[in-house]
Amino acid sequence: MTRYILIVLLTVSFAAVWGVAWYSKRGSSPGVPTIHVPEFIDLGECEAGQIATSEFDIANDGTAELNIAGVHAACSCTGLETKQPDGQYSKVEAVTILPGERKTFVVRLAVNGPPGESLTSGFHFQTDDPARPEVNLAVRLRRIRSGAFSQPVAFAFGTTSVSQPVFKVVDIIDAVSPPRAVDRVATSNSELVRLTQLAVPEAEAAIPGGRIVARVRIDVATQTPAEIDERVNVWLVNEAPSSPVSIRVLGRVAAPVEFAPKTLVLLPTAGDVRQGTFLCVTHGRPATVRVVECPSGFTAHFDSEVAPTAPRRLVVARTTLGSAADAQIRVGVTLDGIETVHTLQVTCATD
């Protein structure tokens, strides 16, 4: 009997020690974040010209911190936001959610389009959840109710070069009967976006689904390179001050000549050679190019021209192992008979 009790005690003691060791080892291993987010956000119905708003949660069901970054939204969507106690909204570009934690966010959508139609927008972001490194979240409005809207709903002009004219004529349409008059028109940045109200001929004013109550020409300032992300807001008479018809103006004004990357890192190829490529972009304008100066121990040449307006590849190589690790190469680009000289930075990967 005594021997049996001793065997049981030894077995229980061993199991307890093994269990503690296993649990300790388990606790010391790194955890994994697990994001829980809705498949999409349903905004229901909303009147044209209003801002549709919805709250939603993002949870971390994992065992490590969940990090969210790189939030990018479509034209009409605000992306990830939080609502402050004073009623204002703050844009979220990065956030950390602890294991087991749930955080509430807000998404807002500028409702702009013909009544009766649906509207889909959205945003995406990166996470460190290994199962979902990138999340694309759709934002859906089931139906636009009668109200005011613009045609087109946004002005996205892509990339243009300095001094090129960029403009768009936008109609403001009111589907309410009787139609309302325009109270005021404003831009979020009068230095980058300029507005001109145009007359609407009576013969063009009545259209299916409403009436054109204003016509606005939007001109983008292109004198200097700039990233453009502004809004044109149009308020109608008796409209709430916080609910204008909002037209997003989005694009980039680029320098006449651009080289990418900003700094070229030469990577090892065969033997002691380090090689890399710059891309020279003139945004559709014909140009001639030449290498003005290249330091000793390096070579630089432009590839053959594919088309006068196509980007040109500048191939750079360090041919001597003992030469400097960093260098500057000067190239000339001629546009419209005028040559500009550009200094390009080159560095070498570790030998």
Protein backbone atom coordinates (compact mmCIF):
# COMPACT_ATOMS: atom_id res chain seq x y z
CA MET A 1 0.00 0.00 0.00
CA THR A 2 2.82 2.38 0.96
CA ARG A 3 4.63 1.60 -2.33
CA TYR A 4 1.41 2.35 -4.32
CA ILE A 5 0.93 5.72 -2.61
CA LEU A 6 4.59 6.60 -3.28
CA ILE A 7 4.24 5.81 -7.02
CA VAL A 8 1.09 7.97 -7.28
CA LEU A 9 2.77 10.91 -5.52
CA LEU A 10 5.83 10.67 -7.77
CA THR A 11 3.61 10.55 -10.88
CA VAL A 12 1.59 13.58 -9.78
CA SER A 13 4.76 15.52 -8.90
CA PHE A 14 6.31 14.76 -12.27
CA ALA A 15 3.16 15.84 -14.12
CA ALA A 16 3.04 19.08 -12.15
CA VAL A 17 6.67 19.90 -12.86
CA TRP A 18 6.28 19.05 -16.56
CA GLY A 19 3.11 21.14 -16.75
CA VAL A 20 4.80 24.19 -15.17
CA ALA A 21 7.75 23.85 -17.56
CA TRP A 22 5.45 23.52 -20.58
CA TYR A 23 3.37 26.52 -19.54
CA SER A 24 6.51 28.58 -18.90
CA LYS A 25 7.86 27.68 -22.33
CA ARG A 26 4.49 28.48 -23.92
CA GLY A 27 4.35 31.86 -22.22
CA SER A 28 7.83 32.82 -23.37
CA SER A 29 7.16 32.07 -27.06
CA PRO A 30 6.21 35.05 -29.22
CA GLY A 31 2.49 35.59 -29.77
CA VAL A 32 0.69 36.36 -33.00
CA PRO A 33 -1.82 39.19 -33.62
CA THR A 34 -5.16 38.27 -35.21
CA ILE A 35 -7.28 41.02 -36.70
CA HIS A 36 -11.08 40.88 -36.60
CA VAL A 37 -12.74 43.41 -38.89
CA PRO A 38 -16.12 43.51 -40.69
CA GLU A 39 -16.24 42.30 -44.29
CA PHE A 40 -17.68 45.68 -45.34
CA ILE A 41 -19.35 48.76 -43.84
CA ASP A 42 -23.00 49.34 -44.68
CA LEU A 43 -24.02 53.01 -44.61
CA GLY A 44 -27.66 52.36 -45.52
CA GLU A 45 -29.30 55.28 -47.38
CA CYS A 46 -28.43 58.95 -47.39
CA GLU A 47 -29.41 62.11 -49.24
CA ALA A 48 -27.14 63.39 -51.98
CA GLY A 49 -24.90 66.19 -50.77
CA GLN A 50 -24.79 64.85 -47.20
CA ILE A 51 -22.08 63.01 -45.27
CA ALA A 52 -22.92 59.40 -44.40
CA THR A 53 -21.28 58.22 -41.17
CA SER A 54 -20.91 54.85 -39.49
CA GLU A 55 -19.03 53.44 -36.51
CA PHE A 56 -17.34 50.04 -36.64
CA ASP A 57 -14.94 48.01 -34.50
CA ILE A 58 -11.54 46.48 -35.14
CA ALA A 59 -10.54 43.81 -32.63
CA ASN A 60 -7.36 41.89 -31.90
CA ASP A 61 -8.21 38.26 -31.12
CA GLY A 62 -4.55 37.25 -31.06
CA THR A 63 -1.84 36.99 -28.39
CA ALA A 64 0.42 39.87 -29.50
CA GLU A 65 -0.01 43.56 -30.29
CA LEU A 66 -1.75 44.31 -33.58
CA ASN A 67 -0.22 47.21 -35.49
CA ILE A 68 -2.12 48.99 -38.26
CA ALA A 69 -0.42 51.48 -40.60
CA GLY A 70 -0.48 52.85 -44.13
CA VAL A 71 -4.15 53.83 -44.21
CA HIS A 72 -5.15 54.99 -47.71
CA ALA A 73 -8.69 55.98 -48.73
CA ALA A 74 -10.51 56.38 -52.04
CA CYS A 75 -11.59 59.80 -53.30
CA SER A 76 -14.92 60.20 -51.48
CA CYS A 77 -14.05 58.25 -48.31
CA THR A 78 -12.30 59.69 -45.25
CA GLY A 79 -10.69 56.38 -44.30
CA LEU A 80 -10.04 55.46 -40.68
CA GLU A 81 -11.06 58.11 -38.12
CA THR A 82 -11.95 58.51 -34.46
CA LYS A 83 -14.58 60.85 -33.06
CA GLN A 84 -13.41 63.18 -30.30
CA PRO A 85 -15.53 64.26 -27.29
CA ASP A 86 -16.01 67.71 -28.89
CA GLY A 87 -17.58 66.09 -31.97
CA GLN A 88 -14.57 66.63 -34.23
CA TYR A 89 -13.00 63.80 -36.23
CA SER A 90 -9.32 62.81 -36.19
CA LYS A 91 -7.71 60.90 -39.02
CA VAL A 92 -5.95 57.68 -38.00
CA GLU A 93 -2.81 56.84 -39.94
CA ALA A 94 -1.44 54.22 -37.54
CA VAL A 95 -2.77 52.51 -34.42
CA THR A 96 -1.85 49.67 -32.03
CA ILE A 97 -4.49 47.32 -30.59
CA LEU A 98 -3.54 45.15 -27.62
CA PRO A 99 -4.36 41.42 -27.41
CA GLY A 100 -8.04 40.99 -26.56
CA GLU A 101 -8.74 44.69 -27.13
CA ARG A 102 -11.44 46.16 -29.38
CA LYS A 103 -11.36 49.74 -30.68
CA THR A 104 -14.14 51.77 -32.28
CA PHE A 105 -13.52 53.83 -35.39
CA VAL A 106 -15.59 56.03 -37.70
CA VAL A 107 -15.82 56.13 -41.47
CA ARG A 108 -17.46 59.00 -43.35
CA LEU A 109 -18.48 59.12 -46.98
CA ALA A 110 -19.32 62.19 -49.07
CA VAL A 111 -22.56 61.22 -50.81
CA ASN A 112 -22.36 62.57 -54.32
CA GLY A 113 -24.25 61.09 -57.25
CA PRO A 114 -27.63 60.76 -58.97
CA PRO A 115 -30.57 59.82 -56.71
CA GLY A 116 -31.50 56.14 -56.71
CA GLU A 117 -28.00 54.86 -57.37
CA SER A 118 -25.76 53.00 -54.95
CA LEU A 119 -22.28 54.14 -54.00
CA THR A 120 -19.19 52.09 -53.19
CA SER A 121 -15.91 53.42 -51.87
CA GLY A 122 -13.42 52.14 -49.33
CA PHE A 123 -9.94 52.18 -47.89
CA HIS A 124 -7.09 49.79 -47.21
CA PHE A 125 -4.29 49.44 -44.68
CA GLN A 126 -1.39 47.18 -43.70
CA THR A 127 -1.21 45.04 -40.54
CA ASP A 128 1.33 42.74 -38.92
CA ASP A 129 -1.21 39.91 -38.73
CA PRO A 130 0.62 37.26 -40.80
CA ALA A 131 -2.71 35.93 -42.08
CA ARG A 132 -3.91 39.36 -43.26
CA PRO A 133 -0.97 41.65 -44.05
CA GLU A 134 -3.26 43.93 -46.09
CA VAL A 135 -6.92 44.67 -45.44
CA ASN A 136 -9.25 46.16 -48.06
CA LEU A 137 -12.45 47.42 -46.45
CA ALA A 138 -15.37 48.33 -48.72
CA VAL A 139 -17.76 51.12 -47.72
CA ARG A 140 -21.20 50.81 -49.32
CA LEU A 141 -24.14 53.15 -49.52
CA ARG A 142 -27.21 51.21 -50.62
CA ARG A 143 -29.12 54.13 -52.10
CA ILE A 144 -28.69 57.84 -52.72
CA ARG A 145 -31.86 59.73 -51.85
CA SER A 146 -32.95 62.89 -53.65
CA GLY A 147 -30.74 65.89 -52.98
CA ALA A 148 -27.92 67.88 -54.58
CA PHE A 149 -24.90 66.31 -56.25
CA SER A 150 -22.15 67.16 -58.70
CA GLN A 151 -21.40 65.81 -62.15
CA PRO A 152 -18.70 64.53 -62.19
CA VAL A 153 -18.52 63.60 -58.50
CA ALA A 154 -14.70 64.12 -58.32
CA PHE A 155 -11.83 65.60 -60.35
CA ALA A 156 -8.86 63.22 -60.40
CA PHE A 157 -6.35 64.45 -62.99
CA GLY A 158 -3.49 62.02 -62.34
CA THR A 159 0.02 63.43 -62.94
CA THR A 160 0.74 66.50 -65.04
CA SER A 161 3.91 68.52 -65.51
CA VAL A 162 4.57 72.09 -64.43
CA SER A 163 2.88 74.83 -66.47
CA GLN A 164 0.47 72.45 -68.20
CA PRO A 165 -3.17 73.66 -68.04
CA VAL A 166 -5.42 71.52 -65.81
CA PHE A 167 -9.10 72.34 -65.43
CA LYS A 168 -12.54 70.77 -65.21
CA VAL A 169 -16.08 72.11 -65.56
CA VAL A 170 -18.45 70.66 -62.94
CA ASP A 171 -22.23 70.94 -62.82
CA ILE A 172 -24.12 71.13 -59.52
CA ILE A 173 -27.48 69.38 -59.85
CA ASP A 174 -30.37 69.61 -57.39
CA ALA A 175 -32.95 66.81 -57.47
CA VAL A 176 -35.20 68.54 -54.93
CA SER A 177 -38.37 70.19 -56.24
CA PRO A 178 -38.44 73.13 -56.41
CA PRO A 179 -34.66 73.33 -56.95
CA ARG A 180 -32.64 75.47 -54.57
CA ALA A 181 -30.28 78.31 -55.46
CA VAL A 182 -26.54 78.30 -54.74
CA ASP A 183 -25.56 80.16 -51.59
CA ARG A 184 -21.76 80.08 -51.95
CA VAL A 185 -18.86 78.18 -53.51
CA ALA A 186 -15.47 77.78 -51.84
CA THR A 187 -12.23 75.82 -52.13
CA SER A 188 -10.14 74.34 -49.34
CA ASN A 189 -7.01 75.99 -50.79
CA SER A 190 -7.44 79.05 -53.00
CA GLU A 191 -3.72 79.10 -53.91
CA LEU A 192 -3.83 75.63 -55.49
CA VAL A 193 -7.44 75.44 -56.70
CA ARG A 194 -9.19 78.41 -58.30
CA LEU A 195 -12.93 78.61 -59.04
CA THR A 196 -14.97 80.43 -61.66
CA GLN A 197 -18.76 80.29 -61.68
CA LEU A 198 -20.14 80.00 -65.20
CA ALA A 199 -23.60 80.83 -66.51
CA VAL A 200 -25.93 77.92 -67.24
CA PRO A 201 -28.03 78.46 -70.39
CA GLU A 202 -31.70 77.94 -69.64
CA ALA A 203 -31.94 75.39 -72.44
CA GLU A 204 -29.36 73.20 -70.66
CA ALA A 205 -30.57 73.63 -67.07
CA ALA A 206 -33.35 71.00 -66.99
CA ILE A 207 -31.95 67.47 -67.11
CA PRO A 208 -33.30 64.01 -66.20
CA GLY A 209 -33.31 63.64 -62.43
CA GLY A 210 -32.99 67.31 -61.52
CA ARG A 211 -31.85 70.75 -62.57
CA ILE A 212 -28.39 72.26 -63.00
CA VAL A 213 -28.29 75.07 -60.44
CA ALA A 214 -24.59 75.98 -60.85
CA ARG A 215 -21.68 75.40 -63.22
CA VAL A 216 -18.17 75.79 -61.82
CA ARG A 217 -14.84 75.74 -63.62
CA ILE A 218 -12.06 74.29 -61.46
CA ASP A 219 -8.51 75.36 -62.38
CA VAL A 220 -5.48 73.77 -60.73
CA ALA A 221 -2.38 75.91 -60.18
CA THR A 222 0.52 74.19 -61.95
CA GLN A 223 3.28 76.78 -61.63
CA THR A 224 5.25 74.66 -59.15
CA PRO A 225 5.41 70.93 -58.34
CA ALA A 226 2.83 69.93 -55.71
CA GLU A 227 0.68 67.09 -54.41
CA ILE A 228 -2.95 68.18 -54.81
CA ASP A 229 -5.64 66.82 -52.50
CA GLU A 230 -8.21 69.55 -52.01
CA ARG A 231 -11.97 70.01 -52.03
CA VAL A 232 -14.44 72.32 -53.73
CA ASN A 233 -17.55 72.84 -51.57
CA VAL A 234 -20.87 74.17 -52.82
CA TRP A 235 -23.59 75.21 -50.36
CA LEU A 236 -27.20 75.61 -51.43
CA VAL A 237 -29.68 78.02 -49.86
CA ASN A 238 -31.28 76.57 -46.71
CA GLU A 239 -28.69 73.78 -46.67
CA ALA A 240 -26.99 72.82 -43.39
CA PRO A 241 -23.56 74.54 -43.10
CA SER A 242 -21.87 71.18 -42.51
CA SER A 243 -23.41 69.50 -45.58
CA PRO A 244 -22.11 71.03 -48.83
CA VAL A 245 -21.82 69.25 -52.13
CA SER A 246 -18.15 68.31 -51.97
CA ILE A 247 -15.95 67.66 -55.02
CA ARG A 248 -12.51 66.18 -54.34
CA VAL A 249 -9.65 67.51 -56.51
CA LEU A 250 -6.81 65.01 -56.58
CA GLY A 251 -3.57 64.69 -58.54
CA ARG A 252 0.10 65.61 -58.77
CA VAL A 253 1.92 68.46 -60.47
CA ALA A 254 5.34 67.11 -61.36
CA ALA A 255 8.55 68.86 -62.31
CA PRO A 256 9.16 68.93 -66.09
CA VAL A 257 11.97 66.40 -65.65
CA GLU A 258 12.06 63.76 -62.93
CA PHE A 259 14.54 61.02 -62.14
CA ALA A 260 13.68 57.94 -60.11
CA PRO A 261 14.93 56.85 -57.68
CA LYS A 262 16.15 59.94 -55.81
CA THR A 263 19.34 58.08 -54.86
CA LEU A 264 20.49 55.07 -56.86
CA VAL A 265 21.95 52.14 -54.89
CA LEU A 266 24.30 50.08 -57.06
CA LEU A 267 23.91 46.38 -56.36
CA PRO A 268 26.51 43.65 -57.02
CA THR A 269 26.36 41.94 -60.42
CA ALA A 270 29.20 40.00 -62.05
CA GLY A 271 32.64 40.22 -60.47
CA ASP A 272 33.44 43.60 -58.93
CA VAL A 273 30.82 45.48 -60.96
CA ARG A 274 28.00 47.35 -59.17
CA GLN A 275 25.15 48.38 -61.46
CA GLY A 276 21.77 50.14 -61.35
CA THR A 277 19.32 52.20 -63.41
CA PHE A 278 17.77 55.65 -63.19
CA LEU A 279 14.53 56.35 -65.05
CA CYS A 280 14.25 59.80 -66.67
CA VAL A 281 10.61 60.91 -67.06
CA THR A 282 9.46 63.98 -69.00
CA HIS A 283 5.71 63.27 -68.76
CA GLY A 284 5.01 62.83 -72.44
CA ARG A 285 7.13 65.71 -73.70
CA PRO A 286 9.86 64.94 -76.29
CA ALA A 287 13.37 65.41 -74.93
CA THR A 288 17.02 64.79 -75.76
CA VAL A 289 19.39 63.54 -73.06
CA ARG A 290 23.15 63.29 -72.55
CA VAL A 291 25.67 62.48 -69.83
CA VAL A 292 27.51 65.68 -68.90
CA GLU A 293 29.92 64.36 -66.29
CA CYS A 294 30.71 60.92 -64.83
CA PRO A 295 33.47 60.39 -62.21
CA SER A 296 36.41 58.04 -62.66
CA GLY A 297 35.63 54.43 -61.78
CA PHE A 298 32.00 54.76 -62.92
CA THR A 299 30.24 54.53 -66.28
CA ALA A 300 26.89 56.02 -67.27
CA HIS A 301 24.95 55.83 -70.52
CA PHE A 302 21.37 56.26 -71.71
CA ASP A 303 19.68 53.32 -73.42
CA SER A 304 18.51 53.72 -76.99
CA GLU A 305 15.43 55.86 -77.48
CA VAL A 306 12.19 53.86 -77.78
CA ALA A 307 10.06 56.91 -78.66
CA PRO A 308 10.69 60.67 -78.34
CA THR A 309 8.21 60.99 -75.46
CA ALA A 310 8.98 57.69 -73.68
CA PRO A 311 10.94 57.56 -70.38
CA ARG A 312 14.69 56.97 -70.83
CA ARG A 313 16.83 54.54 -68.83
CA LEU A 314 20.20 55.74 -67.54
CA VAL A 315 22.41 52.74 -66.71
CA VAL A 316 25.11 53.45 -64.11
CA ALA A 317 27.89 51.08 -63.07
CA ARG A 318 30.91 51.18 -60.80
CA THR A 319 33.59 49.27 -62.67
CA THR A 320 36.52 49.49 -60.25
CA LEU A 321 36.37 47.94 -56.77
CA GLY A 322 38.72 50.52 -55.26
CA SER A 323 36.80 53.55 -56.49
CA ALA A 324 34.67 55.73 -54.23
CA ALA A 325 31.47 54.22 -52.78
CA ASP A 326 29.46 57.39 -53.51
CA ALA A 327 29.37 59.53 -56.62
CA GLN A 328 27.49 62.29 -58.40
CA ILE A 329 26.63 62.01 -62.07
CA ARG A 330 25.51 65.07 -64.03
CA VAL A 331 23.17 64.70 -67.00
CA GLY A 332 21.58 67.19 -69.37
CA VAL A 333 17.96 67.07 -70.51
CA THR A 334 16.74 69.35 -73.31
CA LEU A 335 13.06 70.31 -73.50
CA ASP A 336 11.76 72.84 -76.02
CA GLY A 337 15.33 73.79 -76.95
CA ILE A 338 16.37 74.54 -73.34
CA GLU A 339 18.79 72.23 -71.53
CA THR A 340 18.72 71.74 -67.76
CA VAL A 341 21.51 69.91 -65.95
CA HIS A 342 20.59 67.49 -63.16
CA THR A 343 22.89 66.06 -60.49
CA LEU A 344 22.13 62.43 -59.61
CA GLN A 345 23.26 60.78 -56.37
CA VAL A 346 24.76 57.29 -56.54
CA THR A 347 25.83 55.04 -53.68
CA CYS A 348 27.16 51.49 -53.67
CA ALA A 349 25.98 48.50 -51.72
CA THR A 350 28.45 47.18 -49.14
CA ASP A 351 31.34 45.38 -50.78
